[in-house]
N, C-alpha and C. Protein backbone atom coordinates (compact mmCIF):
# COMPACT_ATOMS: atom_id res chain seq x y z
N MET A 1 31.68 -17.52 23.44
CA MET A 1 31.33 -18.80 22.87
C MET A 1 29.82 -18.83 22.65
N LEU A 2 29.40 -19.39 21.54
CA LEU A 2 27.99 -19.47 21.21
C LEU A 2 27.49 -20.90 21.33
N GLN A 3 26.30 -21.03 21.79
CA GLN A 3 25.67 -22.32 21.92
C GLN A 3 24.54 -22.40 20.91
N TYR A 4 24.46 -23.47 20.14
CA TYR A 4 23.45 -23.60 19.10
C TYR A 4 22.31 -24.49 19.58
N ASN A 5 21.12 -23.94 19.62
CA ASN A 5 19.94 -24.69 20.03
C ASN A 5 18.79 -24.42 19.07
N GLN A 6 18.22 -25.43 18.51
CA GLN A 6 17.02 -25.33 17.68
C GLN A 6 17.06 -24.16 16.71
N ASN A 7 18.08 -24.12 15.90
CA ASN A 7 18.24 -23.09 14.87
C ASN A 7 18.38 -21.68 15.43
N ARG A 8 18.73 -21.56 16.69
CA ARG A 8 18.94 -20.23 17.28
C ARG A 8 20.33 -20.17 17.87
N VAL A 9 20.95 -19.03 17.75
CA VAL A 9 22.26 -18.82 18.35
C VAL A 9 22.02 -18.09 19.67
N THR A 10 22.43 -18.70 20.76
CA THR A 10 22.24 -18.07 22.06
C THR A 10 23.60 -17.78 22.66
N PRO A 11 23.84 -16.56 23.13
CA PRO A 11 25.13 -16.24 23.72
C PRO A 11 25.29 -16.92 25.08
N LYS A 12 26.50 -17.36 25.33
CA LYS A 12 26.75 -18.04 26.59
C LYS A 12 27.53 -17.17 27.55
N PHE A 13 28.64 -16.58 27.09
CA PHE A 13 29.50 -15.82 28.01
C PHE A 13 29.72 -14.38 27.60
N ASN A 14 29.73 -14.11 26.34
CA ASN A 14 30.17 -12.81 25.84
C ASN A 14 29.04 -11.79 25.93
N LYS A 15 29.24 -10.73 26.69
CA LYS A 15 28.21 -9.70 26.87
C LYS A 15 27.93 -8.95 25.56
N GLU A 16 28.96 -8.67 24.77
CA GLU A 16 28.77 -7.97 23.50
C GLU A 16 27.91 -8.79 22.56
N VAL A 17 28.13 -10.07 22.51
CA VAL A 17 27.33 -10.94 21.66
C VAL A 17 25.89 -10.96 22.15
N ALA A 18 25.71 -10.94 23.46
CA ALA A 18 24.36 -10.93 24.03
C ALA A 18 23.63 -9.65 23.63
N GLU A 19 24.30 -8.52 23.65
CA GLU A 19 23.68 -7.25 23.26
C GLU A 19 23.35 -7.24 21.77
N MET A 20 24.21 -7.83 20.97
CA MET A 20 23.99 -7.84 19.53
C MET A 20 22.81 -8.73 19.15
N SER A 21 22.57 -9.77 19.93
CA SER A 21 21.51 -10.70 19.57
C SER A 21 20.13 -10.20 19.97
N GLN A 22 20.06 -9.13 20.75
CA GLN A 22 18.76 -8.58 21.14
C GLN A 22 18.11 -7.89 19.95
N PRO A 23 16.80 -8.03 19.79
CA PRO A 23 16.14 -7.35 18.67
C PRO A 23 16.17 -5.84 18.86
N ALA A 24 16.19 -5.14 17.76
CA ALA A 24 16.20 -3.68 17.82
C ALA A 24 14.89 -3.19 18.42
N PRO A 25 14.93 -2.16 19.24
CA PRO A 25 13.68 -1.65 19.81
C PRO A 25 12.78 -1.09 18.71
N VAL A 26 11.50 -1.34 18.85
CA VAL A 26 10.53 -0.86 17.86
C VAL A 26 10.12 0.55 18.25
N SER A 27 10.25 1.45 17.30
CA SER A 27 9.91 2.84 17.57
C SER A 27 8.61 3.18 16.88
N LYS A 28 7.81 3.99 17.52
CA LYS A 28 6.57 4.44 16.90
C LYS A 28 6.79 5.71 16.09
N ASP A 29 8.00 6.20 16.11
CA ASP A 29 8.35 7.38 15.34
C ASP A 29 8.50 6.98 13.88
N ARG A 30 7.77 7.63 12.97
CA ARG A 30 7.80 7.21 11.57
C ARG A 30 9.11 7.55 10.87
N ASN A 31 9.93 8.39 11.45
CA ASN A 31 11.22 8.71 10.85
C ASN A 31 12.37 7.98 11.52
N ALA A 32 12.05 7.00 12.37
CA ALA A 32 13.10 6.29 13.09
C ALA A 32 14.02 5.55 12.13
N PHE A 33 13.47 4.96 11.08
CA PHE A 33 14.29 4.23 10.12
C PHE A 33 15.32 5.16 9.48
N SER A 34 14.85 6.32 9.02
CA SER A 34 15.77 7.22 8.33
C SER A 34 16.80 7.81 9.29
N ARG A 35 16.43 8.01 10.55
CA ARG A 35 17.42 8.49 11.52
C ARG A 35 18.44 7.41 11.82
N ARG A 36 17.96 6.17 11.91
CA ARG A 36 18.85 5.06 12.23
C ARG A 36 19.91 4.88 11.15
N TYR A 37 19.54 5.08 9.92
CA TYR A 37 20.48 4.91 8.83
C TYR A 37 21.02 6.23 8.30
N ASN A 38 20.97 7.24 9.15
CA ASN A 38 21.58 8.55 8.88
C ASN A 38 21.10 9.17 7.58
N MET A 39 19.82 9.08 7.32
CA MET A 39 19.25 9.73 6.16
C MET A 39 19.14 11.22 6.48
N PRO A 40 19.60 12.08 5.60
CA PRO A 40 19.56 13.52 5.89
C PRO A 40 18.12 14.02 6.07
N GLU A 41 17.99 15.06 6.86
CA GLU A 41 16.67 15.62 7.19
C GLU A 41 15.92 16.04 5.94
N ASP A 42 16.61 16.67 4.97
CA ASP A 42 15.92 17.11 3.76
C ASP A 42 15.44 15.92 2.93
N SER A 43 16.15 14.81 2.97
CA SER A 43 15.69 13.61 2.25
C SER A 43 14.44 13.05 2.90
N ARG A 44 14.42 13.09 4.24
CA ARG A 44 13.23 12.63 4.95
C ARG A 44 12.02 13.49 4.59
N LYS A 45 12.24 14.80 4.55
CA LYS A 45 11.14 15.70 4.22
C LYS A 45 10.67 15.48 2.78
N ALA A 46 11.62 15.27 1.87
CA ALA A 46 11.27 15.03 0.47
C ALA A 46 10.48 13.72 0.34
N ARG A 47 10.92 12.70 1.08
CA ARG A 47 10.21 11.42 1.04
C ARG A 47 8.78 11.59 1.56
N ASP A 48 8.64 12.28 2.68
CA ASP A 48 7.31 12.49 3.24
C ASP A 48 6.44 13.31 2.30
N LYS A 49 7.05 14.30 1.64
CA LYS A 49 6.30 15.13 0.70
C LYS A 49 5.82 14.29 -0.49
N ASN A 50 6.69 13.40 -0.99
CA ASN A 50 6.31 12.53 -2.09
C ASN A 50 5.18 11.59 -1.68
N LEU A 51 5.25 11.05 -0.46
CA LEU A 51 4.20 10.17 0.01
C LEU A 51 2.87 10.90 0.11
N GLU A 52 2.91 12.12 0.63
CA GLU A 52 1.69 12.91 0.73
C GLU A 52 1.11 13.20 -0.65
N ALA A 53 1.98 13.52 -1.61
CA ALA A 53 1.52 13.80 -2.97
C ALA A 53 0.86 12.56 -3.58
N LYS A 54 1.46 11.39 -3.34
CA LYS A 54 0.88 10.15 -3.87
C LYS A 54 -0.47 9.86 -3.22
N ARG A 55 -0.57 10.12 -1.92
CA ARG A 55 -1.84 9.90 -1.23
C ARG A 55 -2.93 10.82 -1.78
N GLU A 56 -2.58 12.08 -1.99
CA GLU A 56 -3.55 13.03 -2.53
C GLU A 56 -3.99 12.64 -3.94
N GLU A 57 -3.02 12.19 -4.74
CA GLU A 57 -3.34 11.76 -6.11
C GLU A 57 -4.29 10.56 -6.08
N ALA A 58 -4.03 9.62 -5.18
CA ALA A 58 -4.89 8.44 -5.07
C ALA A 58 -6.29 8.83 -4.62
N LYS A 59 -6.39 9.75 -3.67
CA LYS A 59 -7.71 10.22 -3.22
C LYS A 59 -8.46 10.86 -4.38
N GLY A 60 -7.75 11.65 -5.20
CA GLY A 60 -8.38 12.29 -6.35
C GLY A 60 -8.89 11.28 -7.35
N LYS A 61 -8.11 10.22 -7.59
CA LYS A 61 -8.54 9.19 -8.53
C LYS A 61 -9.77 8.46 -8.03
N VAL A 62 -9.78 8.15 -6.73
CA VAL A 62 -10.94 7.46 -6.15
C VAL A 62 -12.17 8.36 -6.25
N TYR A 63 -11.99 9.65 -5.95
CA TYR A 63 -13.10 10.60 -6.03
C TYR A 63 -13.63 10.69 -7.46
N ASP A 64 -12.72 10.81 -8.42
CA ASP A 64 -13.14 10.92 -9.82
C ASP A 64 -13.91 9.68 -10.27
N TYR A 65 -13.40 8.51 -9.91
CA TYR A 65 -14.03 7.26 -10.35
C TYR A 65 -15.39 7.08 -9.68
N SER A 66 -15.49 7.46 -8.40
CA SER A 66 -16.74 7.24 -7.67
C SER A 66 -17.86 8.16 -8.14
N HIS A 67 -17.51 9.26 -8.80
CA HIS A 67 -18.54 10.19 -9.26
C HIS A 67 -18.90 10.01 -10.74
N LYS A 68 -18.49 8.88 -11.32
CA LYS A 68 -18.85 8.59 -12.70
C LYS A 68 -20.06 7.67 -12.73
N THR A 69 -20.77 7.72 -13.84
CA THR A 69 -21.92 6.83 -14.01
C THR A 69 -21.40 5.43 -14.32
N PRO A 70 -22.24 4.40 -14.16
CA PRO A 70 -21.79 3.04 -14.47
C PRO A 70 -21.31 2.89 -15.92
N GLU A 71 -21.95 3.60 -16.86
CA GLU A 71 -21.50 3.53 -18.25
C GLU A 71 -20.09 4.10 -18.40
N GLU A 72 -19.84 5.21 -17.71
CA GLU A 72 -18.50 5.83 -17.77
C GLU A 72 -17.46 4.92 -17.12
N ARG A 73 -17.84 4.24 -16.04
CA ARG A 73 -16.91 3.32 -15.39
C ARG A 73 -16.58 2.14 -16.30
N LEU A 74 -17.58 1.64 -17.00
CA LEU A 74 -17.31 0.57 -17.97
C LEU A 74 -16.38 1.05 -19.07
N ALA A 75 -16.58 2.30 -19.52
CA ALA A 75 -15.70 2.86 -20.55
C ALA A 75 -14.26 2.97 -20.02
N VAL A 76 -14.10 3.33 -18.75
CA VAL A 76 -12.76 3.42 -18.15
C VAL A 76 -12.11 2.04 -18.13
N LEU A 77 -12.88 1.03 -17.72
CA LEU A 77 -12.34 -0.34 -17.71
C LEU A 77 -11.96 -0.79 -19.11
N ASP A 78 -12.80 -0.49 -20.10
CA ASP A 78 -12.50 -0.87 -21.49
C ASP A 78 -11.23 -0.19 -21.97
N ALA A 79 -11.07 1.09 -21.63
CA ALA A 79 -9.87 1.82 -22.07
C ALA A 79 -8.61 1.30 -21.37
N LYS A 80 -8.75 0.94 -20.10
CA LYS A 80 -7.59 0.53 -19.32
C LYS A 80 -7.18 -0.91 -19.62
N LEU A 81 -8.16 -1.82 -19.71
CA LEU A 81 -7.86 -3.25 -19.82
C LEU A 81 -8.16 -3.84 -21.19
N GLY A 82 -9.02 -3.19 -21.95
CA GLY A 82 -9.46 -3.74 -23.22
C GLY A 82 -10.94 -4.11 -23.12
N LYS A 83 -11.62 -4.12 -24.24
CA LYS A 83 -13.07 -4.35 -24.23
C LYS A 83 -13.39 -5.76 -23.76
N GLY A 84 -14.09 -5.83 -22.63
CA GLY A 84 -14.51 -7.11 -22.08
C GLY A 84 -13.41 -7.93 -21.43
N VAL A 85 -12.23 -7.37 -21.24
CA VAL A 85 -11.11 -8.12 -20.69
C VAL A 85 -10.91 -7.74 -19.23
N GLY A 86 -10.79 -8.74 -18.36
CA GLY A 86 -10.48 -8.49 -16.95
C GLY A 86 -11.62 -7.86 -16.17
N ALA A 87 -11.43 -7.77 -14.87
CA ALA A 87 -12.38 -7.14 -13.95
C ALA A 87 -13.78 -7.72 -14.14
N ARG A 88 -13.85 -9.04 -14.16
CA ARG A 88 -15.10 -9.74 -14.45
C ARG A 88 -16.20 -9.38 -13.47
N LYS A 89 -15.91 -9.41 -12.18
CA LYS A 89 -16.93 -9.12 -11.17
C LYS A 89 -17.37 -7.66 -11.21
N GLU A 90 -16.41 -6.76 -11.41
CA GLU A 90 -16.73 -5.32 -11.47
C GLU A 90 -17.60 -5.04 -12.70
N ARG A 91 -17.25 -5.65 -13.82
CA ARG A 91 -18.05 -5.46 -15.04
C ARG A 91 -19.47 -5.99 -14.83
N ALA A 92 -19.61 -7.15 -14.20
CA ALA A 92 -20.94 -7.72 -13.97
C ALA A 92 -21.76 -6.80 -13.06
N ARG A 93 -21.12 -6.26 -12.04
CA ARG A 93 -21.82 -5.35 -11.12
C ARG A 93 -22.27 -4.08 -11.84
N LEU A 94 -21.37 -3.52 -12.65
CA LEU A 94 -21.71 -2.29 -13.38
C LEU A 94 -22.79 -2.54 -14.43
N GLU A 95 -22.71 -3.68 -15.12
CA GLU A 95 -23.74 -3.99 -16.12
C GLU A 95 -25.09 -4.20 -15.47
N ALA A 96 -25.11 -4.78 -14.27
CA ALA A 96 -26.37 -4.94 -13.53
C ALA A 96 -26.93 -3.57 -13.15
N MET A 97 -26.06 -2.64 -12.78
CA MET A 97 -26.51 -1.29 -12.44
C MET A 97 -27.09 -0.60 -13.66
N VAL A 98 -26.44 -0.76 -14.82
CA VAL A 98 -26.93 -0.15 -16.06
C VAL A 98 -28.29 -0.73 -16.42
N ALA A 99 -28.42 -2.05 -16.30
CA ALA A 99 -29.71 -2.70 -16.61
C ALA A 99 -30.80 -2.22 -15.67
N ALA A 100 -30.47 -2.07 -14.39
CA ALA A 100 -31.46 -1.60 -13.41
C ALA A 100 -31.90 -0.17 -13.71
N GLU A 101 -30.95 0.66 -14.15
CA GLU A 101 -31.27 2.04 -14.54
C GLU A 101 -32.20 2.07 -15.73
N GLN A 102 -31.91 1.22 -16.72
CA GLN A 102 -32.73 1.19 -17.93
C GLN A 102 -34.14 0.73 -17.62
N ILE A 103 -34.28 -0.25 -16.73
CA ILE A 103 -35.60 -0.73 -16.34
C ILE A 103 -36.34 0.36 -15.57
N ALA A 104 -35.64 1.09 -14.72
CA ALA A 104 -36.26 2.12 -13.91
C ALA A 104 -36.72 3.31 -14.78
N THR A 105 -36.01 3.60 -15.85
CA THR A 105 -36.38 4.73 -16.70
C THR A 105 -37.50 4.41 -17.68
N GLN A 106 -37.81 3.14 -17.88
CA GLN A 106 -38.85 2.77 -18.83
C GLN A 106 -40.22 2.90 -18.26
């Protein structure tokens, strides 16, 4: 029999219901989810490999972008979003950097 209190179902007599209502133990193992739902080992490895590939790709993009000049970064924003569209704060920051460079070179 279940007793209803403040939007919670609390077991009263049934031991099985009491066990079911307990939260699942939190595991620090990153493959616990896939083991719990019987995901095959090769699928787990493929998933992890894909995640690693995505992380490496993201690191490469950050590295490429960080090593460009402010003019090149503005060109990337123009190509990606359109000329003068979006990324208002980033554009203002980059334009200030370009202006500071021009003043420094004069």
